[in-house]
Amino acid sequence: MTLPRCKHPLAPRLLADYWLEELTSSDEERTAARGGRMFGQAHAREFLSITGFEVKLPFDGLAGWKDLRRLSIDEQRRALEDPDRRRRLTDEALHGPYGNAIGAEARAPQFDTMRIVDRPQGPYRTVGELAAELTYHHRDDNPSLCCGLAGRAQALLSWHHHTGEPIWLRRANELARRARNSTNFNGPPLSLLRGPLGAALI
């Protein structure tokens, strides 16, 4: 009996060696030892779904997002311009709760694999890549760990750990140096979030 093992044909860039790991796994050897046969199988095209404000978002099932998504597109845009509401929605989108998705149901978003189709042909940037670029180029000299240079350095350092790409380590170090050299802190000297202590820890 032949049992094909199906896997996603086009692994994301961050999992580029996934296919090799699968093909060199010991499952085939164990199956062969018991008289079976396994082989790699790929689909001819990539599986994907389209998300967006005019269709569906991965967050539509969350309580705060349900309230937002009942509004028209223009009303949603205006609502997202409110910093407090945007902060609450962002926190909910990052932490859920997301249920156990079945089949094509929306899952918790993976921003390093969600791509932005903003041109006729690829390659397309992922949401994570665009977020990292905007974090680096953001024009704000607030040095704090809370929401300034030090905090952005921490975010880029996390992205470097995730991708392994040296450019993000260089950019994180650049922002951290700017934060440590700044004299524009608006918090107490020993404040971790708004004072120089937090920047010194990056």
N, C-alpha and C. Protein backbone atom coordinates (compact mmCIF):
# COMPACT_ATOMS: atom_id res chain seq x y z
N MET A 1 0.85 -1.20 0.00
CA MET A 1 0.00 0.00 0.00
C MET A 1 0.88 1.24 0.00
N THR A 2 0.58 2.22 -0.83
CA THR A 2 1.33 3.47 -0.92
C THR A 2 0.55 4.57 -0.21
N LEU A 3 1.19 5.23 0.75
CA LEU A 3 0.55 6.29 1.51
C LEU A 3 1.28 7.60 1.26
N PRO A 4 0.75 8.48 0.40
CA PRO A 4 1.42 9.76 0.15
C PRO A 4 1.34 10.67 1.36
N ARG A 5 2.41 11.38 1.61
CA ARG A 5 2.45 12.33 2.71
C ARG A 5 2.44 13.73 2.11
N CYS A 6 1.36 14.46 2.25
CA CYS A 6 1.21 15.75 1.59
C CYS A 6 1.73 16.87 2.48
N LYS A 7 2.49 17.77 1.91
CA LYS A 7 3.01 18.93 2.62
C LYS A 7 2.83 20.17 1.77
N HIS A 8 2.88 21.32 2.41
CA HIS A 8 2.74 22.60 1.70
C HIS A 8 3.87 22.73 0.69
N PRO A 9 3.58 23.05 -0.57
CA PRO A 9 4.60 23.04 -1.62
C PRO A 9 5.58 24.19 -1.53
N LEU A 10 5.13 25.36 -1.09
CA LEU A 10 5.99 26.53 -1.08
C LEU A 10 6.13 27.03 0.34
N ALA A 11 7.08 26.48 1.07
CA ALA A 11 7.28 26.91 2.45
C ALA A 11 7.69 28.37 2.46
N PRO A 12 7.29 29.15 3.50
CA PRO A 12 7.70 30.55 3.59
C PRO A 12 9.21 30.68 3.61
N ARG A 13 9.68 31.89 3.33
CA ARG A 13 11.12 32.11 3.28
C ARG A 13 11.80 31.72 4.60
N LEU A 14 11.12 32.00 5.72
CA LEU A 14 11.72 31.69 7.01
C LEU A 14 11.81 30.20 7.27
N LEU A 15 11.06 29.39 6.49
CA LEU A 15 11.08 27.94 6.64
C LEU A 15 11.56 27.29 5.36
N ALA A 16 12.54 27.93 4.71
CA ALA A 16 12.94 27.51 3.37
C ALA A 16 13.51 26.10 3.34
N ASP A 17 14.04 25.59 4.45
CA ASP A 17 14.61 24.24 4.47
C ASP A 17 13.64 23.22 5.01
N TYR A 18 12.38 23.62 5.19
CA TYR A 18 11.39 22.71 5.76
C TYR A 18 11.22 21.46 4.91
N TRP A 19 11.19 21.66 3.59
CA TRP A 19 10.98 20.53 2.69
C TRP A 19 12.09 19.50 2.83
N LEU A 20 13.34 19.98 3.02
CA LEU A 20 14.47 19.06 3.17
C LEU A 20 14.36 18.28 4.46
N GLU A 21 13.95 18.97 5.51
CA GLU A 21 13.76 18.29 6.80
C GLU A 21 12.72 17.19 6.68
N GLU A 22 11.66 17.49 5.94
CA GLU A 22 10.59 16.50 5.78
C GLU A 22 11.07 15.29 4.97
N LEU A 23 11.82 15.56 3.90
CA LEU A 23 12.25 14.46 3.04
C LEU A 23 13.32 13.60 3.69
N THR A 24 14.04 14.15 4.66
CA THR A 24 15.10 13.38 5.33
C THR A 24 14.65 12.88 6.69
N SER A 25 13.36 12.95 6.99
CA SER A 25 12.87 12.47 8.28
C SER A 25 12.96 10.95 8.31
N SER A 26 12.87 10.42 9.51
CA SER A 26 13.01 8.96 9.68
C SER A 26 11.69 8.23 9.48
N ASP A 27 10.61 8.98 9.20
CA ASP A 27 9.31 8.33 9.02
C ASP A 27 9.35 7.32 7.88
N GLU A 28 9.99 7.70 6.78
CA GLU A 28 10.06 6.80 5.63
C GLU A 28 10.78 5.51 5.98
N GLU A 29 11.87 5.63 6.75
CA GLU A 29 12.63 4.43 7.13
C GLU A 29 11.80 3.52 8.03
N ARG A 30 11.09 4.12 8.97
CA ARG A 30 10.26 3.30 9.86
C ARG A 30 9.13 2.63 9.08
N THR A 31 8.55 3.38 8.13
CA THR A 31 7.48 2.80 7.32
C THR A 31 8.00 1.67 6.46
N ALA A 32 9.18 1.87 5.85
CA ALA A 32 9.78 0.84 4.99
C ALA A 32 10.09 -0.42 5.80
N ALA A 33 10.57 -0.22 7.04
CA ALA A 33 10.91 -1.37 7.88
C ALA A 33 9.69 -2.23 8.19
N ARG A 34 8.50 -1.61 8.11
CA ARG A 34 7.27 -2.35 8.40
C ARG A 34 6.54 -2.76 7.13
N GLY A 35 7.24 -2.64 5.98
CA GLY A 35 6.68 -3.12 4.73
C GLY A 35 5.90 -2.09 3.94
N GLY A 36 5.92 -0.81 4.37
CA GLY A 36 5.19 0.23 3.66
C GLY A 36 6.11 1.04 2.76
N ARG A 37 5.54 2.02 2.08
CA ARG A 37 6.34 2.88 1.21
C ARG A 37 5.82 4.30 1.32
N MET A 38 6.70 5.27 1.52
CA MET A 38 6.33 6.68 1.61
C MET A 38 7.12 7.48 0.60
N PHE A 39 6.54 8.56 0.11
CA PHE A 39 7.24 9.43 -0.81
C PHE A 39 6.72 10.84 -0.63
N GLY A 40 7.54 11.84 -1.01
CA GLY A 40 7.15 13.23 -0.92
C GLY A 40 6.19 13.59 -2.03
N GLN A 41 5.20 14.41 -1.71
CA GLN A 41 4.23 14.83 -2.72
C GLN A 41 3.98 16.33 -2.56
N ALA A 42 3.98 17.06 -3.67
CA ALA A 42 3.77 18.51 -3.64
C ALA A 42 2.63 18.89 -4.56
N HIS A 43 1.98 19.97 -4.22
CA HIS A 43 0.91 20.50 -5.07
C HIS A 43 1.53 21.43 -6.10
N ALA A 44 0.88 21.54 -7.26
CA ALA A 44 1.44 22.35 -8.35
C ALA A 44 1.30 23.85 -8.11
N ARG A 45 0.48 24.25 -7.17
CA ARG A 45 0.32 25.67 -6.89
C ARG A 45 0.25 25.87 -5.38
N GLU A 46 0.43 27.12 -4.97
CA GLU A 46 0.40 27.44 -3.56
C GLU A 46 -1.03 27.57 -3.05
N PHE A 47 -1.25 27.12 -1.83
CA PHE A 47 -2.54 27.30 -1.18
C PHE A 47 -2.55 28.65 -0.48
N LEU A 48 -3.59 29.43 -0.65
CA LEU A 48 -3.65 30.72 0.01
C LEU A 48 -5.08 31.19 0.12
N SER A 49 -5.28 32.21 0.94
CA SER A 49 -6.58 32.85 1.05
C SER A 49 -6.35 34.36 1.11
N ILE A 50 -7.33 35.11 0.72
CA ILE A 50 -7.22 36.57 0.68
C ILE A 50 -7.90 37.15 1.92
N THR A 51 -7.21 38.02 2.62
CA THR A 51 -7.80 38.71 3.76
C THR A 51 -7.69 40.21 3.54
N GLY A 52 -8.57 40.95 4.16
CA GLY A 52 -8.55 42.40 4.02
C GLY A 52 -9.80 42.99 4.63
N PHE A 53 -9.81 44.30 4.79
CA PHE A 53 -10.95 44.97 5.41
C PHE A 53 -12.22 44.84 4.59
N GLU A 54 -12.11 44.69 3.29
CA GLU A 54 -13.30 44.59 2.45
C GLU A 54 -13.78 43.15 2.32
N VAL A 55 -13.02 42.20 2.82
CA VAL A 55 -13.45 40.79 2.80
C VAL A 55 -13.51 40.29 4.24
N LYS A 56 -12.49 39.56 4.67
CA LYS A 56 -12.46 39.07 6.05
C LYS A 56 -11.07 39.26 6.62
N LEU A 57 -11.01 39.38 7.93
CA LEU A 57 -9.75 39.49 8.65
C LEU A 57 -9.62 38.32 9.62
N PRO A 58 -8.40 37.94 9.98
CA PRO A 58 -8.23 36.86 10.96
C PRO A 58 -8.79 37.21 12.33
N PHE A 59 -9.06 38.49 12.56
CA PHE A 59 -9.48 38.95 13.89
C PHE A 59 -11.00 39.08 14.02
N ASP A 60 -11.74 38.76 12.97
CA ASP A 60 -13.17 39.06 12.95
C ASP A 60 -13.95 38.36 14.06
N GLY A 61 -13.44 37.27 14.58
CA GLY A 61 -14.15 36.54 15.62
C GLY A 61 -13.89 37.06 17.02
N LEU A 62 -12.99 38.02 17.17
CA LEU A 62 -12.66 38.56 18.48
C LEU A 62 -13.64 39.66 18.86
N ALA A 63 -13.93 39.76 20.16
CA ALA A 63 -15.03 40.63 20.62
C ALA A 63 -14.86 42.08 20.18
N GLY A 64 -13.70 42.67 20.44
CA GLY A 64 -13.49 44.07 20.07
C GLY A 64 -13.53 44.29 18.58
N TRP A 65 -13.04 43.33 17.82
CA TRP A 65 -13.04 43.46 16.37
C TRP A 65 -14.44 43.27 15.80
N LYS A 66 -15.26 42.46 16.45
CA LYS A 66 -16.64 42.31 15.98
C LYS A 66 -17.36 43.65 15.98
N ASP A 67 -17.16 44.41 17.08
CA ASP A 67 -17.79 45.73 17.16
C ASP A 67 -17.28 46.65 16.05
N LEU A 68 -15.98 46.59 15.80
CA LEU A 68 -15.39 47.44 14.75
C LEU A 68 -15.91 47.05 13.37
N ARG A 69 -15.98 45.76 13.11
CA ARG A 69 -16.27 45.29 11.76
C ARG A 69 -17.74 45.46 11.38
N ARG A 70 -18.58 45.80 12.35
CA ARG A 70 -19.97 46.11 12.03
C ARG A 70 -20.11 47.46 11.34
N LEU A 71 -19.07 48.28 11.43
CA LEU A 71 -19.10 49.63 10.88
C LEU A 71 -18.76 49.61 9.39
N SER A 72 -19.05 50.70 8.71
CA SER A 72 -18.64 50.83 7.31
C SER A 72 -17.11 50.97 7.25
N ILE A 73 -16.56 50.83 6.05
CA ILE A 73 -15.11 50.93 5.89
C ILE A 73 -14.60 52.30 6.35
N ASP A 74 -15.31 53.35 5.98
CA ASP A 74 -14.89 54.70 6.41
C ASP A 74 -14.96 54.85 7.92
N GLU A 75 -16.00 54.29 8.53
CA GLU A 75 -16.12 54.37 9.99
C GLU A 75 -15.04 53.55 10.68
N GLN A 76 -14.68 52.42 10.10
CA GLN A 76 -13.59 51.62 10.66
C GLN A 76 -12.28 52.39 10.60
N ARG A 77 -12.04 53.08 9.48
CA ARG A 77 -10.82 53.87 9.34
C ARG A 77 -10.75 54.96 10.41
N ARG A 78 -11.86 55.64 10.61
CA ARG A 78 -11.88 56.70 11.62
C ARG A 78 -11.70 56.13 13.03
N ALA A 79 -12.31 54.97 13.27
CA ALA A 79 -12.17 54.35 14.59
C ALA A 79 -10.72 53.96 14.87
N LEU A 80 -10.01 53.50 13.85
CA LEU A 80 -8.62 53.08 14.02
C LEU A 80 -7.67 54.26 14.16
N GLU A 81 -8.16 55.46 13.91
CA GLU A 81 -7.34 56.65 14.14
C GLU A 81 -7.33 57.06 15.61
N ASP A 82 -8.17 56.42 16.41
CA ASP A 82 -8.19 56.66 17.86
C ASP A 82 -7.09 55.82 18.50
N PRO A 83 -6.03 56.44 19.06
CA PRO A 83 -4.89 55.67 19.58
C PRO A 83 -5.27 54.65 20.64
N ASP A 84 -6.19 55.00 21.54
CA ASP A 84 -6.58 54.08 22.60
C ASP A 84 -7.31 52.85 22.04
N ARG A 85 -8.23 53.10 21.13
CA ARG A 85 -8.96 51.96 20.54
C ARG A 85 -8.02 51.10 19.70
N ARG A 86 -7.14 51.74 18.96
CA ARG A 86 -6.19 50.99 18.15
C ARG A 86 -5.28 50.13 19.03
N ARG A 87 -4.88 50.67 20.19
CA ARG A 87 -4.03 49.91 21.10
C ARG A 87 -4.75 48.69 21.65
N ARG A 88 -6.04 48.87 22.01
CA ARG A 88 -6.82 47.74 22.53
C ARG A 88 -7.02 46.67 21.45
N LEU A 89 -7.31 47.10 20.23
CA LEU A 89 -7.51 46.14 19.14
C LEU A 89 -6.22 45.40 18.80
N THR A 90 -5.11 46.12 18.83
CA THR A 90 -3.82 45.49 18.56
C THR A 90 -3.51 44.43 19.59
N ASP A 91 -3.74 44.75 20.86
CA ASP A 91 -3.48 43.78 21.93
C ASP A 91 -4.37 42.54 21.77
N GLU A 92 -5.63 42.76 21.40
CA GLU A 92 -6.54 41.63 21.20
C GLU A 92 -6.12 40.79 20.00
N ALA A 93 -5.69 41.46 18.93
CA ALA A 93 -5.26 40.72 17.74
C ALA A 93 -4.02 39.88 18.02
N LEU A 94 -3.14 40.37 18.86
CA LEU A 94 -1.90 39.64 19.16
C LEU A 94 -2.12 38.48 20.12
N HIS A 95 -3.07 38.62 21.04
CA HIS A 95 -3.20 37.64 22.11
C HIS A 95 -4.49 36.83 22.10
N GLY A 96 -5.39 37.12 21.16
CA GLY A 96 -6.59 36.30 21.05
C GLY A 96 -7.66 36.63 22.08
N PRO A 97 -8.48 35.68 22.46
CA PRO A 97 -8.31 34.24 22.24
C PRO A 97 -8.77 33.78 20.86
N TYR A 98 -8.00 32.88 20.27
CA TYR A 98 -8.36 32.24 19.02
C TYR A 98 -8.75 30.79 19.32
N GLY A 99 -9.81 30.34 18.72
CA GLY A 99 -10.24 28.96 18.94
C GLY A 99 -9.42 27.98 18.12
N ASN A 100 -9.81 26.73 18.17
CA ASN A 100 -9.17 25.70 17.36
C ASN A 100 -9.79 25.69 15.97
N ALA A 101 -9.05 26.23 15.01
CA ALA A 101 -9.59 26.35 13.64
C ALA A 101 -9.65 24.99 12.96
N ILE A 102 -10.67 24.81 12.16
CA ILE A 102 -10.86 23.59 11.39
C ILE A 102 -10.91 23.95 9.91
N GLY A 103 -10.17 23.23 9.10
CA GLY A 103 -10.22 23.45 7.66
C GLY A 103 -9.77 24.86 7.29
N ALA A 104 -10.63 25.58 6.56
CA ALA A 104 -10.27 26.92 6.07
C ALA A 104 -10.62 28.03 7.05
N GLU A 105 -11.04 27.69 8.27
CA GLU A 105 -11.37 28.72 9.24
C GLU A 105 -10.14 29.54 9.61
N ALA A 106 -10.37 30.81 9.94
CA ALA A 106 -9.25 31.71 10.24
C ALA A 106 -8.50 31.26 11.49
N ARG A 107 -7.19 31.31 11.41
CA ARG A 107 -6.33 30.95 12.52
C ARG A 107 -5.67 32.21 13.08
N ALA A 108 -5.01 32.05 14.20
CA ALA A 108 -4.24 33.17 14.73
C ALA A 108 -3.25 33.62 13.66
N PRO A 109 -3.14 34.91 13.41
CA PRO A 109 -2.29 35.38 12.31
C PRO A 109 -0.81 35.12 12.56
N GLN A 110 -0.12 34.74 11.52
CA GLN A 110 1.33 34.58 11.55
C GLN A 110 1.90 35.65 10.61
N PHE A 111 2.38 36.74 11.19
CA PHE A 111 2.73 37.90 10.40
C PHE A 111 3.98 37.71 9.54
N ASP A 112 4.75 36.66 9.82
CA ASP A 112 5.92 36.40 8.98
C ASP A 112 5.57 35.56 7.75
N THR A 113 4.31 35.15 7.63
CA THR A 113 3.90 34.41 6.44
C THR A 113 2.75 35.10 5.70
N MET A 114 2.11 36.09 6.33
CA MET A 114 1.04 36.84 5.67
C MET A 114 1.69 37.87 4.73
N ARG A 115 1.40 37.78 3.45
CA ARG A 115 2.03 38.65 2.47
C ARG A 115 1.08 39.73 1.99
N ILE A 116 1.64 40.87 1.66
CA ILE A 116 0.86 42.04 1.23
C ILE A 116 0.87 42.08 -0.30
N VAL A 117 -0.28 41.83 -0.90
CA VAL A 117 -0.38 41.83 -2.37
C VAL A 117 -0.68 43.27 -2.79
N ASP A 118 0.37 44.04 -2.99
CA ASP A 118 0.21 45.47 -3.30
C ASP A 118 0.75 45.82 -4.67
N ARG A 119 0.98 44.82 -5.50
CA ARG A 119 1.47 45.06 -6.86
C ARG A 119 1.08 43.86 -7.72
N PRO A 120 1.09 44.02 -9.06
CA PRO A 120 0.64 42.92 -9.92
C PRO A 120 1.48 41.65 -9.77
N GLN A 121 2.79 41.80 -9.59
CA GLN A 121 3.65 40.63 -9.48
C GLN A 121 4.52 40.72 -8.24
N GLY A 122 4.88 39.53 -7.72
CA GLY A 122 5.75 39.47 -6.55
C GLY A 122 7.20 39.72 -6.93
N PRO A 123 8.10 39.57 -5.96
CA PRO A 123 7.85 39.04 -4.63
C PRO A 123 7.11 40.04 -3.75
N TYR A 124 6.30 39.50 -2.84
CA TYR A 124 5.50 40.32 -1.95
C TYR A 124 6.12 40.33 -0.55
N ARG A 125 6.09 41.49 0.08
CA ARG A 125 6.59 41.59 1.45
C ARG A 125 5.60 40.95 2.41
N THR A 126 6.12 40.42 3.51
CA THR A 126 5.23 39.93 4.55
C THR A 126 4.85 41.10 5.45
N VAL A 127 3.79 40.91 6.22
CA VAL A 127 3.37 41.93 7.18
C VAL A 127 4.50 42.18 8.18
N GLY A 128 5.19 41.11 8.58
CA GLY A 128 6.30 41.26 9.52
C GLY A 128 7.43 42.09 8.95
N GLU A 129 7.76 41.87 7.68
CA GLU A 129 8.83 42.64 7.05
C GLU A 129 8.47 44.11 6.95
N LEU A 130 7.23 44.40 6.56
CA LEU A 130 6.82 45.79 6.46
C LEU A 130 6.80 46.45 7.84
N ALA A 131 6.33 45.72 8.86
CA ALA A 131 6.30 46.27 10.22
C ALA A 131 7.72 46.60 10.70
N ALA A 132 8.67 45.72 10.39
CA ALA A 132 10.06 45.98 10.79
C ALA A 132 10.61 47.21 10.08
N GLU A 133 10.31 47.35 8.78
CA GLU A 133 10.77 48.53 8.04
C GLU A 133 10.18 49.81 8.62
N LEU A 134 8.88 49.79 8.91
CA LEU A 134 8.24 50.99 9.47
C LEU A 134 8.76 51.29 10.87
N THR A 135 9.07 50.27 11.63
CA THR A 135 9.63 50.46 12.98
C THR A 135 10.98 51.16 12.89
N TYR A 136 11.79 50.76 11.93
CA TYR A 136 13.13 51.36 11.79
C TYR A 136 13.04 52.80 11.28
N HIS A 137 12.17 53.05 10.31
CA HIS A 137 12.14 54.37 9.65
C HIS A 137 11.21 55.36 10.35
N HIS A 138 10.55 54.94 11.41
CA HIS A 138 9.62 55.84 12.11
C HIS A 138 10.35 57.09 12.59
N ARG A 139 9.77 58.26 12.30
CA ARG A 139 10.42 59.53 12.65
C ARG A 139 9.97 60.00 14.02
N ASP A 140 10.67 59.57 15.02
CA ASP A 140 10.36 59.96 16.39
C ASP A 140 11.62 59.76 17.22
N ASP A 141 12.09 60.82 17.86
CA ASP A 141 13.32 60.73 18.65
C ASP A 141 13.06 60.49 20.12
N ASN A 142 11.84 60.16 20.48
CA ASN A 142 11.56 59.75 21.85
C ASN A 142 12.45 58.55 22.17
N PRO A 143 13.31 58.61 23.19
CA PRO A 143 14.29 57.54 23.41
C PRO A 143 13.79 56.39 24.28
N SER A 144 12.58 56.44 24.80
CA SER A 144 12.16 55.53 25.86
C SER A 144 11.98 54.09 25.39
N LEU A 145 12.01 53.20 26.38
CA LEU A 145 11.73 51.79 26.13
C LEU A 145 10.25 51.57 25.91
N CYS A 146 9.44 52.43 26.49
CA CYS A 146 7.99 52.28 26.41
C CYS A 146 7.52 52.32 24.96
N CYS A 147 7.82 53.38 24.25
CA CYS A 147 7.32 53.51 22.88
C CYS A 147 8.24 54.38 22.04
N GLY A 148 9.53 54.35 22.34
CA GLY A 148 10.48 55.18 21.62
C GLY A 148 11.61 54.37 21.00
N LEU A 149 12.76 55.00 20.87
CA LEU A 149 13.90 54.37 20.19
C LEU A 149 14.30 53.05 20.83
N ALA A 150 14.35 53.02 22.17
CA ALA A 150 14.76 51.79 22.85
C ALA A 150 13.74 50.67 22.63
N GLY A 151 12.46 51.03 22.67
CA GLY A 151 11.43 50.03 22.40
C GLY A 151 11.48 49.52 20.98
N ARG A 152 11.73 50.41 20.04
CA ARG A 152 11.85 49.99 18.65
C ARG A 152 13.08 49.13 18.45
N ALA A 153 14.17 49.45 19.16
CA ALA A 153 15.37 48.62 19.08
C ALA A 153 15.07 47.21 19.58
N GLN A 154 14.31 47.12 20.67
CA GLN A 154 13.92 45.81 21.20
C GLN A 154 13.10 45.03 20.19
N ALA A 155 12.18 45.72 19.50
CA ALA A 155 11.35 45.06 18.49
C ALA A 155 12.20 44.54 17.34
N LEU A 156 13.15 45.35 16.88
CA LEU A 156 14.01 44.92 15.76
C LEU A 156 14.94 43.80 16.18
N LEU A 157 15.36 43.80 17.45
CA LEU A 157 16.19 42.71 17.95
C LEU A 157 15.40 41.40 17.94
N SER A 158 14.14 41.47 18.33
CA SER A 158 13.28 40.29 18.28
C SER A 158 13.11 39.80 16.85
N TRP A 159 12.95 40.75 15.91
CA TRP A 159 12.81 40.36 14.50
C TRP A 159 14.10 39.73 13.99
N HIS A 160 15.24 40.23 14.43
CA HIS A 160 16.52 39.62 14.04
C HIS A 160 16.60 38.18 14.55
N HIS A 161 16.21 37.96 15.80
CA HIS A 161 16.23 36.60 16.35
C HIS A 161 15.31 35.68 15.56
N HIS A 162 14.22 36.25 15.06
CA HIS A 162 13.24 35.45 14.32
C HIS A 162 13.73 35.11 12.91
N THR A 163 14.34 36.09 12.25
CA THR A 163 14.74 35.89 10.85
C THR A 163 16.20 35.45 10.69
N GLY A 164 17.06 35.83 11.65
CA GLY A 164 18.49 35.55 11.52
C GLY A 164 19.20 36.50 10.57
N GLU A 165 18.51 37.54 10.09
CA GLU A 165 19.11 38.46 9.11
C GLU A 165 19.93 39.53 9.83
N PRO A 166 21.23 39.67 9.49
CA PRO A 166 22.13 40.61 10.19
C PRO A 166 21.68 42.06 10.12
N ILE A 167 20.98 42.46 9.07
CA ILE A 167 20.60 43.86 8.92
C ILE A 167 19.75 44.33 10.09
N TRP A 168 18.92 43.45 10.65
CA TRP A 168 18.05 43.87 11.74
C TRP A 168 18.81 44.01 13.04
N LEU A 169 19.88 43.24 13.20
CA LEU A 169 20.75 43.42 14.37
C LEU A 169 21.47 44.75 14.28
N ARG A 170 21.97 45.09 13.08
CA ARG A 170 22.64 46.38 12.89
C ARG A 170 21.68 47.54 13.17
N ARG A 171 20.47 47.44 12.66
CA ARG A 171 19.50 48.51 12.86
C ARG A 171 19.06 48.61 14.31
N ALA A 172 18.93 47.46 14.99
CA ALA A 172 18.58 47.48 16.41
C ALA A 172 19.68 48.17 17.22
N ASN A 173 20.94 47.84 16.91
CA ASN A 173 22.06 48.47 17.61
C ASN A 173 22.10 49.98 17.36
N GLU A 174 21.78 50.37 16.13
CA GLU A 174 21.77 51.80 15.79
C GLU A 174 20.74 52.55 16.63
N LEU A 175 19.51 52.02 16.70
CA LEU A 175 18.47 52.68 17.50
C LEU A 175 18.81 52.66 18.98
N ALA A 176 19.40 51.56 19.46
CA ALA A 176 19.77 51.48 20.87
C ALA A 176 20.83 52.51 21.23
N ARG A 177 21.81 52.71 20.33
CA ARG A 177 22.85 53.73 20.58
C ARG A 177 22.23 55.13 20.63
N ARG A 178 21.31 55.40 19.71
CA ARG A 178 20.64 56.71 19.72
C ARG A 178 19.85 56.92 21.00
N ALA A 179 19.23 55.86 21.49
CA ALA A 179 18.46 55.97 22.73
C ALA A 179 19.38 56.24 23.92
N ARG A 180 20.49 55.51 24.00
CA ARG A 180 21.40 55.68 25.14
C ARG A 180 22.06 57.05 25.15
N ASN A 181 22.28 57.61 23.96
CA ASN A 181 22.95 58.91 23.86
C ASN A 181 21.99 60.09 23.98
N SER A 182 20.70 59.81 24.09
CA SER A 182 19.71 60.88 24.13
C SER A 182 19.62 61.51 25.52
N THR A 183 19.23 62.77 25.53
CA THR A 183 18.96 63.48 26.79
C THR A 183 17.51 63.92 26.88
N ASN A 184 16.65 63.34 26.03
CA ASN A 184 15.26 63.79 25.93
C ASN A 184 14.28 62.90 26.69
N PHE A 185 14.74 62.18 27.70
CA PHE A 185 13.84 61.32 28.45
C PHE A 185 12.86 62.17 29.25
N ASN A 186 11.58 61.74 29.24
CA ASN A 186 10.56 62.50 29.96
C ASN A 186 10.07 61.77 31.21
N GLY A 187 10.82 60.75 31.65
CA GLY A 187 10.44 60.03 32.86
C GLY A 187 11.52 60.13 33.92
N PRO A 188 11.25 59.65 35.13
CA PRO A 188 12.24 59.66 36.21
C PRO A 188 13.49 58.88 35.81
N PRO A 189 14.65 59.23 36.33
CA PRO A 189 15.90 58.58 35.95
C PRO A 189 15.89 57.06 36.13
N LEU A 190 15.17 56.58 37.14
CA LEU A 190 15.15 55.14 37.40
C LEU A 190 13.93 54.45 36.80
N SER A 191 13.18 55.17 35.98
CA SER A 191 12.01 54.56 35.34
C SER A 191 12.47 53.61 34.24
N LEU A 192 11.97 52.38 34.31
CA LEU A 192 12.35 51.39 33.31
C LEU A 192 11.74 51.70 31.95
N LEU A 193 10.50 52.17 31.94
CA LEU A 193 9.80 52.37 30.68
C LEU A 193 10.08 53.72 30.04
N ARG A 194 10.23 54.78 30.86
CA ARG A 194 10.34 56.12 30.29
C ARG A 194 11.63 56.85 30.64
N GLY A 195 12.49 56.23 31.42
CA GLY A 195 13.74 56.87 31.81
C GLY A 195 14.95 56.24 31.13
N PRO A 196 16.14 56.77 31.39
CA PRO A 196 17.35 56.25 30.75
C PRO A 196 17.72 54.84 31.20
N LEU A 197 17.18 54.38 32.33
CA LEU A 197 17.50 53.03 32.79
C LEU A 197 17.06 51.99 31.78
N GLY A 198 15.84 52.14 31.27
CA GLY A 198 15.35 51.17 30.30
C GLY A 198 16.19 51.15 29.03
N ALA A 199 16.58 52.33 28.55
CA ALA A 199 17.41 52.39 27.34
C ALA A 199 18.77 51.76 27.57
N ALA A 200 19.29 51.88 28.80
CA ALA A 200 20.61 51.32 29.10
C ALA A 200 20.60 49.79 29.08
N LEU A 201 19.43 49.20 29.23
CA LEU A 201 19.34 47.74 29.28
C LEU A 201 19.30 47.12 27.88
N ILE A 202 19.08 47.91 26.86
CA ILE A 202 19.00 47.37 25.49
C ILE A 202 20.40 47.14 24.95
